[in-house]
Amino acid sequence: MTVFAALTRLCPPPEDASHHRPIDWYRVESVLGVPLPEDYKQLTSTYGPGSFADYLRIYQPDGVTEWADLTGPMPARIREQLQLDHDRGTYPAPYDPRQLLPMGGTDKRRAPFLDH
């Protein structure tokens, strides 16, 4: 069983995911200037916009808000913050922030599956 098959078995895609707009990956990659991983494309195409466990958000191309839009301002804002942290020496990313493309995030509260 593939990792993706295991994910969809444990966390079935929403029934309405088939109704979301198809993604023009060529256009998205042209806008971003980088090729995207196939597993990311499969994940976003299968699940559509939303979150996992109301905690982990995967940014979508042309997302419904600027806070979840892969092709909007959010990835650049996160990259800028990572660069500031890198330059200050606080919470430095293990890679050059200019080479990173943020593709998701959390709402910064504790994950519901970790609550006791």
PDB file of N, CA and C in Angstrom:
ATOM      1  N   MET A   1       0.851  -1.177   0.000  1.00  0.00           N
ATOM      2  CA  MET A   1       0.000   0.000   0.000  1.00  0.00           C
ATOM      3  C   MET A   1       0.898   1.242   0.000  1.00  0.00           C
ATOM      4  N   THR A   2       0.558   2.201  -0.841  1.00  0.00           N
ATOM      5  CA  THR A   2       1.331   3.442  -0.892  1.00  0.00           C
ATOM      6  C   THR A   2       1.004   4.310   0.325  1.00  0.00           C
ATOM      7  N   VAL A   3       1.855   5.270   0.599  1.00  0.00           N
ATOM      8  CA  VAL A   3       1.620   6.188   1.706  1.00  0.00           C
ATOM      9  C   VAL A   3       0.325   6.964   1.467  1.00  0.00           C
ATOM     10  N   PHE A   4       0.090   7.381   0.225  1.00  0.00           N
ATOM     11  CA  PHE A   4      -1.114   8.136  -0.086  1.00  0.00           C
ATOM     12  C   PHE A   4      -2.357   7.274   0.087  1.00  0.00           C
ATOM     13  N   ALA A   5      -2.290   6.026  -0.318  1.00  0.00           N
ATOM     14  CA  ALA A   5      -3.425   5.111  -0.129  1.00  0.00           C
ATOM     15  C   ALA A   5      -3.707   4.917   1.360  1.00  0.00           C
ATOM     16  N   ALA A   6      -2.647   4.821   2.159  1.00  0.00           N
ATOM     17  CA  ALA A   6      -2.832   4.692   3.605  1.00  0.00           C
ATOM     18  C   ALA A   6      -3.494   5.946   4.182  1.00  0.00           C
ATOM     19  N   LEU A   7      -3.072   7.120   3.702  1.00  0.00           N
ATOM     20  CA  LEU A   7      -3.674   8.368   4.173  1.00  0.00           C
ATOM     21  C   LEU A   7      -5.165   8.415   3.846  1.00  0.00           C
ATOM     22  N   THR A   8      -5.513   8.117   2.603  1.00  0.00           N
ATOM     23  CA  THR A   8      -6.926   8.192   2.219  1.00  0.00           C
ATOM     24  C   THR A   8      -7.757   7.117   2.912  1.00  0.00           C
ATOM     25  N   ARG A   9      -7.134   6.039   3.290  1.00  0.00           N
ATOM     26  CA  ARG A   9      -7.843   5.007   4.062  1.00  0.00           C
ATOM     27  C   ARG A   9      -8.109   5.503   5.483  1.00  0.00           C
ATOM     28  N   LEU A  10      -7.102   6.121   6.105  1.00  0.00           N
ATOM     29  CA  LEU A  10      -7.255   6.636   7.470  1.00  0.00           C
ATOM     30  C   LEU A  10      -8.083   7.916   7.527  1.00  0.00           C
ATOM     31  N   CYS A  11      -7.956   8.723   6.489  1.00  0.00           N
ATOM     32  CA  CYS A  11      -8.630  10.020   6.444  1.00  0.00           C
ATOM     33  C   CYS A  11      -9.259  10.187   5.057  1.00  0.00           C
ATOM     34  N   PRO A  12     -10.458   9.615   4.874  1.00  0.00           N
ATOM     35  CA  PRO A  12     -11.078   9.684   3.545  1.00  0.00           C
ATOM     36  C   PRO A  12     -11.266  11.132   3.091  1.00  0.00           C
ATOM     37  N   PRO A  13     -11.039  11.388   1.801  1.00  0.00           N
ATOM     38  CA  PRO A  13     -11.256  12.738   1.279  1.00  0.00           C
ATOM     39  C   PRO A  13     -12.718  13.146   1.467  1.00  0.00           C
ATOM     40  N   PRO A  14     -12.980  14.423   1.598  1.00  0.00           N
ATOM     41  CA  PRO A  14     -14.367  14.864   1.737  1.00  0.00           C
ATOM     42  C   PRO A  14     -15.162  14.477   0.488  1.00  0.00           C
ATOM     43  N   GLU A  15     -16.419  14.144   0.702  1.00  0.00           N
ATOM     44  CA  GLU A  15     -17.261  13.737  -0.422  1.00  0.00           C
ATOM     45  C   GLU A  15     -17.391  14.838  -1.457  1.00  0.00           C
ATOM     46  N   ASP A  16     -17.365  16.095  -1.016  1.00  0.00           N
ATOM     47  CA  ASP A  16     -17.523  17.205  -1.952  1.00  0.00           C
ATOM     48  C   ASP A  16     -16.212  17.614  -2.622  1.00  0.00           C
ATOM     49  N   ALA A  17     -15.106  16.925  -2.338  1.00  0.00           N
ATOM     50  CA  ALA A  17     -13.813  17.283  -2.938  1.00  0.00           C
ATOM     51  C   ALA A  17     -13.836  17.145  -4.453  1.00  0.00           C
ATOM     52  N   SER A  18     -14.651  16.238  -4.955  1.00  0.00           N
ATOM     53  CA  SER A  18     -14.713  16.057  -6.406  1.00  0.00           C
ATOM     54  C   SER A  18     -15.362  17.249  -7.093  1.00  0.00           C
ATOM     55  N   HIS A  19     -16.026  18.097  -6.317  1.00  0.00           N
ATOM     56  CA  HIS A  19     -16.702  19.254  -6.896  1.00  0.00           C
ATOM     57  C   HIS A  19     -15.825  20.502  -6.943  1.00  0.00           C
ATOM     58  N   HIS A  20     -14.640  20.471  -6.318  1.00  0.00           N
ATOM     59  CA  HIS A  20     -13.812  21.670  -6.373  1.00  0.00           C
ATOM     60  C   HIS A  20     -13.159  21.814  -7.751  1.00  0.00           C
ATOM     61  N   ARG A  21     -12.819  23.013  -8.044  1.00  0.00           N
ATOM     62  CA  ARG A  21     -12.284  23.375  -9.359  1.00  0.00           C
ATOM     63  C   ARG A  21     -10.955  22.657  -9.623  1.00  0.00           C
ATOM     64  N   PRO A  22     -10.782  22.083 -10.823  1.00  0.00           N
ATOM     65  CA  PRO A  22      -9.496  21.456 -11.153  1.00  0.00           C
ATOM     66  C   PRO A  22      -8.366  22.493 -11.127  1.00  0.00           C
ATOM     67  N   ILE A  23      -7.177  22.043 -10.797  1.00  0.00           N
ATOM     68  CA  ILE A  23      -6.031  22.940 -10.673  1.00  0.00           C
ATOM     69  C   ILE A  23      -5.194  22.871 -11.944  1.00  0.00           C
ATOM     70  N   ASP A  24      -4.881  24.019 -12.492  1.00  0.00           N
ATOM     71  CA  ASP A  24      -4.005  24.116 -13.667  1.00  0.00           C
ATOM     72  C   ASP A  24      -2.564  24.166 -13.149  1.00  0.00           C
ATOM     73  N   TRP A  25      -1.958  22.990 -12.997  1.00  0.00           N
ATOM     74  CA  TRP A  25      -0.638  22.903 -12.386  1.00  0.00           C
ATOM     75  C   TRP A  25       0.426  23.595 -13.221  1.00  0.00           C
ATOM     76  N   TYR A  26       0.306  23.582 -14.526  1.00  0.00           N
ATOM     77  CA  TYR A  26       1.276  24.272 -15.373  1.00  0.00           C
ATOM     78  C   TYR A  26       1.284  25.764 -15.052  1.00  0.00           C
ATOM     79  N   ARG A  27       0.094  26.364 -14.943  1.00  0.00           N
ATOM     80  CA  ARG A  27      -0.015  27.784 -14.619  1.00  0.00           C
ATOM     81  C   ARG A  27       0.534  28.067 -13.222  1.00  0.00           C
ATOM     82  N   VAL A  28       0.173  27.234 -12.252  1.00  0.00           N
ATOM     83  CA  VAL A  28       0.633  27.431 -10.875  1.00  0.00           C
ATOM     84  C   VAL A  28       2.156  27.381 -10.799  1.00  0.00           C
ATOM     85  N   GLU A  29       2.752  26.384 -11.423  1.00  0.00           N
ATOM     86  CA  GLU A  29       4.208  26.254 -11.398  1.00  0.00           C
ATOM     87  C   GLU A  29       4.874  27.407 -12.151  1.00  0.00           C
ATOM     88  N   SER A  30       4.217  27.907 -13.183  1.00  0.00           N
ATOM     89  CA  SER A  30       4.752  29.075 -13.900  1.00  0.00           C
ATOM     90  C   SER A  30       4.728  30.309 -13.015  1.00  0.00           C
ATOM     91  N   VAL A  31       3.635  30.514 -12.278  1.00  0.00           N
ATOM     92  CA  VAL A  31       3.509  31.659 -11.361  1.00  0.00           C
ATOM     93  C   VAL A  31       4.565  31.570 -10.263  1.00  0.00           C
ATOM     94  N   LEU A  32       4.733  30.375  -9.695  1.00  0.00           N
ATOM     95  CA  LEU A  32       5.684  30.192  -8.590  1.00  0.00           C
ATOM     96  C   LEU A  32       7.137  30.122  -9.065  1.00  0.00           C
ATOM     97  N   GLY A  33       7.338  29.732 -10.304  1.00  0.00           N
ATOM     98  CA  GLY A  33       8.692  29.619 -10.840  1.00  0.00           C
ATOM     99  C   GLY A  33       9.424  28.370 -10.400  1.00  0.00           C
ATOM    100  N   VAL A  34       8.698  27.394  -9.868  1.00  0.00           N
ATOM    101  CA  VAL A  34       9.303  26.131  -9.438  1.00  0.00           C
ATOM    102  C   VAL A  34       8.343  24.979  -9.709  1.00  0.00           C
ATOM    103  N   PRO A  35       8.891  23.797  -9.991  1.00  0.00           N
ATOM    104  CA  PRO A  35       8.019  22.619 -10.090  1.00  0.00           C
ATOM    105  C   PRO A  35       7.599  22.189  -8.687  1.00  0.00           C
ATOM    106  N   LEU A  36       6.393  21.695  -8.565  1.00  0.00           N
ATOM    107  CA  LEU A  36       5.882  21.253  -7.262  1.00  0.00           C
ATOM    108  C   LEU A  36       5.944  19.733  -7.166  1.00  0.00           C
ATOM    109  N   PRO A  37       6.126  19.215  -5.968  1.00  0.00           N
ATOM    110  CA  PRO A  37       6.181  17.758  -5.789  1.00  0.00           C
ATOM    111  C   PRO A  37       4.865  17.094  -6.206  1.00  0.00           C
ATOM    112  N   GLU A  38       4.981  15.946  -6.826  1.00  0.00           N
ATOM    113  CA  GLU A  38       3.794  15.219  -7.283  1.00  0.00           C
ATOM    114  C   GLU A  38       2.874  14.839  -6.126  1.00  0.00           C
ATOM    115  N   ASP A  39       3.457  14.485  -4.957  1.00  0.00           N
ATOM    116  CA  ASP A  39       2.594  14.104  -3.833  1.00  0.00           C
ATOM    117  C   ASP A  39       1.793  15.296  -3.311  1.00  0.00           C
ATOM    118  N   TYR A  40       2.363  16.500  -3.382  1.00  0.00           N
ATOM    119  CA  TYR A  40       1.611  17.703  -3.002  1.00  0.00           C
ATOM    120  C   TYR A  40       0.447  17.907  -3.966  1.00  0.00           C
ATOM    121  N   LYS A  41       0.710  17.758  -5.261  1.00  0.00           N
ATOM    122  CA  LYS A  41      -0.345  17.930  -6.255  1.00  0.00           C
ATOM    123  C   LYS A  41      -1.461  16.908  -6.041  1.00  0.00           C
ATOM    124  N   GLN A  42      -1.078  15.676  -5.756  1.00  0.00           N
ATOM    125  CA  GLN A  42      -2.063  14.627  -5.520  1.00  0.00           C
ATOM    126  C   GLN A  42      -2.891  14.926  -4.271  1.00  0.00           C
ATOM    127  N   LEU A  43      -2.224  15.373  -3.220  1.00  0.00           N
ATOM    128  CA  LEU A  43      -2.911  15.696  -1.969  1.00  0.00           C
ATOM    129  C   LEU A  43      -3.931  16.812  -2.166  1.00  0.00           C
ATOM    130  N   THR A  44      -3.503  17.918  -2.766  1.00  0.00           N
ATOM    131  CA  THR A  44      -4.406  19.055  -2.926  1.00  0.00           C
ATOM    132  C   THR A  44      -5.506  18.779  -3.946  1.00  0.00           C
ATOM    133  N   SER A  45      -5.199  18.026  -4.972  1.00  0.00           N
ATOM    134  CA  SER A  45      -6.228  17.680  -5.957  1.00  0.00           C
ATOM    135  C   SER A  45      -7.277  16.743  -5.362  1.00  0.00           C
ATOM    136  N   THR A  46      -6.859  15.857  -4.470  1.00  0.00           N
ATOM    137  CA  THR A  46      -7.768  14.881  -3.881  1.00  0.00           C
ATOM    138  C   THR A  46      -8.605  15.465  -2.755  1.00  0.00           C
ATOM    139  N   TYR A  47      -7.978  16.248  -1.875  1.00  0.00           N
ATOM    140  CA  TYR A  47      -8.685  16.740  -0.692  1.00  0.00           C
ATOM    141  C   TYR A  47      -9.313  18.117  -0.866  1.00  0.00           C
ATOM    142  N   GLY A  48      -8.788  18.920  -1.792  1.00  0.00           N
ATOM    143  CA  GLY A  48      -9.336  20.258  -1.952  1.00  0.00           C
ATOM    144  C   GLY A  48      -8.968  21.144  -0.771  1.00  0.00           C
ATOM    145  N   PRO A  49      -9.532  22.345  -0.711  1.00  0.00           N
ATOM    146  CA  PRO A  49      -9.199  23.268   0.375  1.00  0.00           C
ATOM    147  C   PRO A  49      -9.744  22.787   1.715  1.00  0.00           C
ATOM    148  N   GLY A  50      -9.059  23.171   2.770  1.00  0.00           N
ATOM    149  CA  GLY A  50      -9.499  22.800   4.117  1.00  0.00           C
ATOM    150  C   GLY A  50      -8.317  22.502   5.006  1.00  0.00           C
ATOM    151  N   SER A  51      -8.569  21.716   6.034  1.00  0.00           N
ATOM    152  CA  SER A  51      -7.508  21.392   6.983  1.00  0.00           C
ATOM    153  C   SER A  51      -7.657  19.963   7.460  1.00  0.00           C
ATOM    154  N   PHE A  52      -6.596  19.456   8.061  1.00  0.00           N
ATOM    155  CA  PHE A  52      -6.614  18.142   8.692  1.00  0.00           C
ATOM    156  C   PHE A  52      -6.735  18.358  10.192  1.00  0.00           C
ATOM    157  N   ALA A  53      -7.708  17.702  10.801  1.00  0.00           N
ATOM    158  CA  ALA A  53      -7.957  17.777  12.244  1.00  0.00           C
ATOM    159  C   ALA A  53      -8.133  19.224  12.716  1.00  0.00           C
ATOM    160  N   ASP A  54      -8.648  20.075  11.854  1.00  0.00           N
ATOM    161  CA  ASP A  54      -8.839  21.489  12.177  1.00  0.00           C
ATOM    162  C   ASP A  54      -7.549  22.106  12.731  1.00  0.00           C
ATOM    163  N   TYR A  55      -6.412  21.632  12.223  1.00  0.00           N
ATOM    164  CA  TYR A  55      -5.122  22.078  12.739  1.00  0.00           C
ATOM    165  C   TYR A  55      -4.107  22.348  11.630  1.00  0.00           C
ATOM    166  N   LEU A  56      -3.922  21.393  10.727  1.00  0.00           N
ATOM    167  CA  LEU A  56      -2.907  21.502   9.689  1.00  0.00           C
ATOM    168  C   LEU A  56      -3.553  21.937   8.378  1.00  0.00           C
ATOM    169  N   ARG A  57      -3.147  23.109   7.891  1.00  0.00           N
ATOM    170  CA  ARG A  57      -3.660  23.630   6.616  1.00  0.00           C
ATOM    171  C   ARG A  57      -2.602  23.440   5.533  1.00  0.00           C
ATOM    172  N   ILE A  58      -3.054  22.924   4.419  1.00  0.00           N
ATOM    173  CA  ILE A  58      -2.196  22.797   3.252  1.00  0.00           C
ATOM    174  C   ILE A  58      -2.591  23.932   2.315  1.00  0.00           C
ATOM    175  N   TYR A  59      -1.649  24.786   1.972  1.00  0.00           N
ATOM    176  CA  TYR A  59      -1.957  25.901   1.081  1.00  0.00           C
ATOM    177  C   TYR A  59      -2.367  25.376  -0.293  1.00  0.00           C
ATOM    178  N   GLN A  60      -3.385  25.985  -0.843  1.00  0.00           N
ATOM    179  CA  GLN A  60      -3.934  25.616  -2.142  1.00  0.00           C
ATOM    180  C   GLN A  60      -3.612  26.702  -3.162  1.00  0.00           C
ATOM    181  N   PRO A  61      -3.353  26.332  -4.408  1.00  0.00           N
ATOM    182  CA  PRO A  61      -3.248  27.363  -5.435  1.00  0.00           C
ATOM    183  C   PRO A  61      -4.583  28.099  -5.541  1.00  0.00           C
ATOM    184  N   ASP A  62      -4.528  29.412  -5.610  1.00  0.00           N
ATOM    185  CA  ASP A  62      -5.749  30.226  -5.686  1.00  0.00           C
ATOM    186  C   ASP A  62      -6.684  29.918  -4.522  1.00  0.00           C
ATOM    187  N   GLY A  63      -6.117  29.826  -3.318  1.00  0.00           N
ATOM    188  CA  GLY A  63      -6.886  29.506  -2.121  1.00  0.00           C
ATOM    189  C   GLY A  63      -8.003  30.500  -1.856  1.00  0.00           C
ATOM    190  N   VAL A  64      -8.942  30.075  -1.005  1.00  0.00           N
ATOM    191  CA  VAL A  64     -10.126  30.885  -0.744  1.00  0.00           C
ATOM    192  C   VAL A  64      -9.821  32.158   0.030  1.00  0.00           C
ATOM    193  N   THR A  65      -8.713  32.184   0.758  1.00  0.00           N
ATOM    194  CA  THR A  65      -8.274  33.399   1.445  1.00  0.00           C
ATOM    195  C   THR A  65      -6.779  33.572   1.215  1.00  0.00           C
ATOM    196  N   GLU A  66      -6.282  34.767   1.458  1.00  0.00           N
ATOM    197  CA  GLU A  66      -4.839  34.983   1.288  1.00  0.00           C
ATOM    198  C   GLU A  66      -4.031  34.174   2.287  1.00  0.00           C
ATOM    199  N   TRP A  67      -4.647  33.736   3.384  1.00  0.00           N
ATOM    200  CA  TRP A  67      -3.948  32.971   4.425  1.00  0.00           C
ATOM    201  C   TRP A  67      -3.746  31.514   4.025  1.00  0.00           C
ATOM    202  N   ALA A  68      -4.431  31.056   2.983  1.00  0.00           N
ATOM    203  CA  ALA A  68      -4.307  29.667   2.550  1.00  0.00           C
ATOM    204  C   ALA A  68      -4.020  29.563   1.061  1.00  0.00           C
ATOM    205  N   ASP A  69      -3.541  30.649   0.453  1.00  0.00           N
ATOM    206  CA  ASP A  69      -3.332  30.704  -0.991  1.00  0.00           C
ATOM    207  C   ASP A  69      -1.858  30.506  -1.322  1.00  0.00           C
ATOM    208  N   LEU A  70      -1.541  29.369  -1.928  1.00  0.00           N
ATOM    209  CA  LEU A  70      -0.155  29.078  -2.297  1.00  0.00           C
ATOM    210  C   LEU A  70       0.382  30.092  -3.297  1.00  0.00           C
ATOM    211  N   THR A  71      -0.470  30.618  -4.150  1.00  0.00           N
ATOM    212  CA  THR A  71      -0.038  31.568  -5.168  1.00  0.00           C
ATOM    213  C   THR A  71      -0.252  33.015  -4.736  1.00  0.00           C
ATOM    214  N   GLY A  72      -0.641  33.212  -3.486  1.00  0.00           N
ATOM    215  CA  GLY A  72      -0.850  34.556  -2.955  1.00  0.00           C
ATOM    216  C   GLY A  72       0.340  35.029  -2.132  1.00  0.00           C
ATOM    217  N   PRO A  73       0.115  35.992  -1.253  1.00  0.00           N
ATOM    218  CA  PRO A  73       1.213  36.600  -0.504  1.00  0.00           C
ATOM    219  C   PRO A  73       1.739  35.783   0.680  1.00  0.00           C
ATOM    220  N   MET A  74       0.984  34.797   1.156  1.00  0.00           N
ATOM    221  CA  MET A  74       1.378  34.100   2.381  1.00  0.00           C
ATOM    222  C   MET A  74       2.732  33.398   2.289  1.00  0.00           C
ATOM    223  N   PRO A  75       3.034  32.604   1.270  1.00  0.00           N
ATOM    224  CA  PRO A  75       4.362  31.963   1.245  1.00  0.00           C
ATOM    225  C   PRO A  75       5.515  32.967   1.299  1.00  0.00           C
ATOM    226  N   ALA A  76       5.381  34.099   0.619  1.00  0.00           N
ATOM    227  CA  ALA A  76       6.450  35.112   0.650  1.00  0.00           C
ATOM    228  C   ALA A  76       6.570  35.717   2.046  1.00  0.00           C
ATOM    229  N   ARG A  77       5.444  35.940   2.716  1.00  0.00           N
ATOM    230  CA  ARG A  77       5.484  36.489   4.089  1.00  0.00           C
ATOM    231  C   ARG A  77       6.175  35.517   5.035  1.00  0.00           C
ATOM    232  N   ILE A  78       5.858  34.242   4.901  1.00  0.00           N
ATOM    233  CA  ILE A  78       6.495  33.239   5.765  1.00  0.00           C
ATOM    234  C   ILE A  78       7.989  33.175   5.469  1.00  0.00           C
ATOM    235  N   ARG A  79       8.345  33.219   4.197  1.00  0.00           N
ATOM    236  CA  ARG A  79       9.762  33.187   3.811  1.00  0.00           C
ATOM    237  C   ARG A  79      10.497  34.390   4.385  1.00  0.00           C
ATOM    238  N   GLU A  80       9.863  35.585   4.363  1.00  0.00           N
ATOM    239  CA  GLU A  80      10.470  36.783   4.946  1.00  0.00           C
ATOM    240  C   GLU A  80      10.697  36.608   6.439  1.00  0.00           C
ATOM    241  N   GLN A  81       9.711  36.019   7.139  1.00  0.00           N
ATOM    242  CA  GLN A  81       9.865  35.794   8.577  1.00  0.00           C
ATOM    243  C   GLN A  81      10.986  34.798   8.844  1.00  0.00           C
ATOM    244  N   LEU A  82      11.056  33.753   8.045  1.00  0.00           N
ATOM    245  CA  LEU A  82      12.139  32.784   8.187  1.00  0.00           C
ATOM    246  C   LEU A  82      13.499  33.448   7.964  1.00  0.00           C
ATOM    247  N   GLN A  83      13.561  34.363   6.996  1.00  0.00           N
ATOM    248  CA  GLN A  83      14.814  35.070   6.721  1.00  0.00           C
ATOM    249  C   GLN A  83      15.201  35.963   7.903  1.00  0.00           C
ATOM    250  N   LEU A  84      14.216  36.670   8.487  1.00  0.00           N
ATOM    251  CA  LEU A  84      14.491  37.494   9.675  1.00  0.00           C
ATOM    252  C   LEU A  84      15.013  36.637  10.816  1.00  0.00           C
ATOM    253  N   ASP A  85      14.347  35.497  11.058  1.00  0.00           N
ATOM    254  CA  ASP A  85      14.801  34.594  12.117  1.00  0.00           C
ATOM    255  C   ASP A  85      16.210  34.082  11.825  1.00  0.00           C
ATOM    256  N   HIS A  86      16.477  33.776  10.582  1.00  0.00           N
ATOM    257  CA  HIS A  86      17.801  33.301  10.174  1.00  0.00           C
ATOM    258  C   HIS A  86      18.857  34.370  10.426  1.00  0.00           C
ATOM    259  N   ASP A  87      18.553  35.603  10.008  1.00  0.00           N
ATOM    260  CA  ASP A  87      19.509  36.704  10.168  1.00  0.00           C
ATOM    261  C   ASP A  87      19.754  37.043  11.636  1.00  0.00           C
ATOM    262  N   ARG A  88      18.736  36.912  12.465  1.00  0.00           N
ATOM    263  CA  ARG A  88      18.854  37.210  13.899  1.00  0.00           C
ATOM    264  C   ARG A  88      19.427  36.038  14.688  1.00  0.00           C
ATOM    265  N   GLY A  89      19.387  34.853  14.100  1.00  0.00           N
ATOM    266  CA  GLY A  89      19.848  33.661  14.810  1.00  0.00           C
ATOM    267  C   GLY A  89      18.795  33.063  15.724  1.00  0.00           C
ATOM    268  N   THR A  90      17.553  33.511  15.593  1.00  0.00           N
ATOM    269  CA  THR A  90      16.465  32.945  16.399  1.00  0.00           C
ATOM    270  C   THR A  90      15.669  31.983  15.539  1.00  0.00           C
ATOM    271  N   TYR A  91      15.480  30.786  16.000  1.00  0.00           N
ATOM    272  CA  TYR A  91      14.723  29.766  15.280  1.00  0.00           C
ATOM    273  C   TYR A  91      15.160  29.657  13.819  1.00  0.00           C
ATOM    274  N   PRO A  92      16.439  29.537  13.564  1.00  0.00           N
ATOM    275  CA  PRO A  92      16.882  29.497  12.162  1.00  0.00           C
ATOM    276  C   PRO A  92      16.418  28.217  11.462  1.00  0.00           C
ATOM    277  N   ALA A  93      15.963  28.376  10.229  1.00  0.00           N
ATOM    278  CA  ALA A  93      15.601  27.226   9.403  1.00  0.00           C
ATOM    279  C   ALA A  93      16.880  26.483   9.037  1.00  0.00           C
ATOM    280  N   PRO A  94      16.804  25.171   8.871  1.00  0.00           N
ATOM    281  CA  PRO A  94      18.019  24.418   8.534  1.00  0.00           C
ATOM    282  C   PRO A  94      18.482  24.628   7.087  1.00  0.00           C
ATOM    283  N   TYR A  95      17.695  25.367   6.305  1.00  0.00           N
ATOM    284  CA  TYR A  95      18.039  25.645   4.908  1.00  0.00           C
ATOM    285  C   TYR A  95      17.916  27.134   4.654  1.00  0.00           C
ATOM    286  N   ASP A  96      18.491  27.572   3.584  1.00  0.00           N
ATOM    287  CA  ASP A  96      18.395  28.966   3.179  1.00  0.00           C
ATOM    288  C   ASP A  96      16.919  29.303   2.917  1.00  0.00           C
ATOM    289  N   PRO A  97      16.321  30.228   3.668  1.00  0.00           N
ATOM    290  CA  PRO A  97      14.903  30.546   3.501  1.00  0.00           C
ATOM    291  C   PRO A  97      14.518  30.981   2.088  1.00  0.00           C
ATOM    292  N   ARG A  98      15.470  31.520   1.349  1.00  0.00           N
ATOM    293  CA  ARG A  98      15.164  31.931  -0.035  1.00  0.00           C
ATOM    294  C   ARG A  98      14.916  30.730  -0.935  1.00  0.00           C
ATOM    295  N   GLN A  99      15.344  29.551  -0.487  1.00  0.00           N
ATOM    296  CA  GLN A  99      15.168  28.330  -1.276  1.00  0.00           C
ATOM    297  C   GLN A  99      13.951  27.512  -0.838  1.00  0.00           C
ATOM    298  N   LEU A 100      13.195  28.028   0.129  1.00  0.00           N
ATOM    299  CA  LEU A 100      12.047  27.292   0.657  1.00  0.00           C
ATOM    300  C   LEU A 100      10.740  27.842   0.101  1.00  0.00           C
ATOM    301  N   LEU A 101       9.761  26.967  -0.079  1.00  0.00           N
ATOM    302  CA  LEU A 101       8.423  27.369  -0.481  1.00  0.00           C
ATOM    303  C   LEU A 101       7.452  26.831   0.564  1.00  0.00           C
ATOM    304  N   PRO A 102       6.994  27.684   1.469  1.00  0.00           N
ATOM    305  CA  PRO A 102       6.022  27.228   2.470  1.00  0.00           C
ATOM    306  C   PRO A 102       4.756  26.725   1.784  1.00  0.00           C
ATOM    307  N   MET A 103       4.330  25.517   2.154  1.00  0.00           N
ATOM    308  CA  MET A 103       3.180  24.899   1.506  1.00  0.00           C
ATOM    309  C   MET A 103       2.063  24.583   2.481  1.00  0.00           C
ATOM    310  N   GLY A 104       2.214  25.006   3.726  1.00  0.00           N
ATOM    311  CA  GLY A 104       1.182  24.755   4.715  1.00  0.00           C
ATOM    312  C   GLY A 104       1.588  25.313   6.054  1.00  0.00           C
ATOM    313  N   GLY A 105       0.707  25.182   7.009  1.00  0.00           N
ATOM    314  CA  GLY A 105       0.995  25.684   8.343  1.00  0.00           C
ATOM    315  C   GLY A 105      -0.060  25.211   9.330  1.00  0.00           C
ATOM    316  N   THR A 106       0.124  25.634  10.557  1.00  0.00           N
ATOM    317  CA  THR A 106      -0.827  25.297  11.620  1.00  0.00           C
ATOM    318  C   THR A 106      -1.433  26.579  12.157  1.00  0.00           C
ATOM    319  N   ASP A 107      -2.451  26.401  12.983  1.00  0.00           N
ATOM    320  CA  ASP A 107      -3.056  27.584  13.588  1.00  0.00           C
ATOM    321  C   ASP A 107      -2.393  27.939  14.908  1.00  0.00           C
ATOM    322  N   LYS A 108      -1.241  27.319  15.185  1.00  0.00           N
ATOM    323  CA  LYS A 108      -0.373  27.598  16.335  1.00  0.00           C
ATOM    324  C   LYS A 108      -0.938  27.167  17.679  1.00  0.00           C
ATOM    325  N   ARG A 109      -2.091  26.591  17.698  1.00  0.00           N
ATOM    326  CA  ARG A 109      -2.552  26.059  18.979  1.00  0.00           C
ATOM    327  C   ARG A 109      -2.173  24.590  19.043  1.00  0.00           C
ATOM    328  N   ARG A 110      -2.317  24.010  20.174  1.00  0.00           N
ATOM    329  CA  ARG A 110      -1.902  22.639  20.339  1.00  0.00           C
ATOM    330  C   ARG A 110      -2.767  21.707  19.502  1.00  0.00           C
ATOM    331  N   ALA A 111      -2.135  20.738  18.872  1.00  0.00           N
ATOM    332  CA  ALA A 111      -2.860  19.785  18.028  1.00  0.00           C
ATOM    333  C   ALA A 111      -3.906  19.038  18.865  1.00  0.00           C
ATOM    334  N   PRO A 112      -5.144  18.906  18.362  1.00  0.00           N
ATOM    335  CA  PRO A 112      -6.194  18.253  19.130  1.00  0.00           C
ATOM    336  C   PRO A 112      -5.867  16.807  19.473  1.00  0.00           C
ATOM    337  N   PHE A 113      -5.092  16.132  18.666  1.00  0.00           N
ATOM    338  CA  PHE A 113      -4.753  14.742  18.948  1.00  0.00           C
ATOM    339  C   PHE A 113      -3.673  14.623  19.995  1.00  0.00           C
ATOM    340  N   LEU A 114      -3.076  15.744  20.431  1.00  0.00           N
ATOM    341  CA  LEU A 114      -2.080  15.727  21.496  1.00  0.00           C
ATOM    342  C   LEU A 114      -2.666  16.130  22.841  1.00  0.00           C
ATOM    343  N   ASP A 115      -3.885  16.640  22.830  1.00  0.00           N
ATOM    344  CA  ASP A 115      -4.523  17.043  24.083  1.00  0.00           C
ATOM    345  C   ASP A 115      -4.796  15.828  24.965  1.00  0.00           C
ATOM    346  N   HIS A 116      -4.663  16.043  26.246  1.00  0.00           N
ATOM    347  CA  HIS A 116      -4.941  14.968  27.201  1.00  0.00           C
ATOM    348  C   HIS A 116      -6.190  15.279  27.975  1.00  0.00           C
TER     349      HIS A 116
END
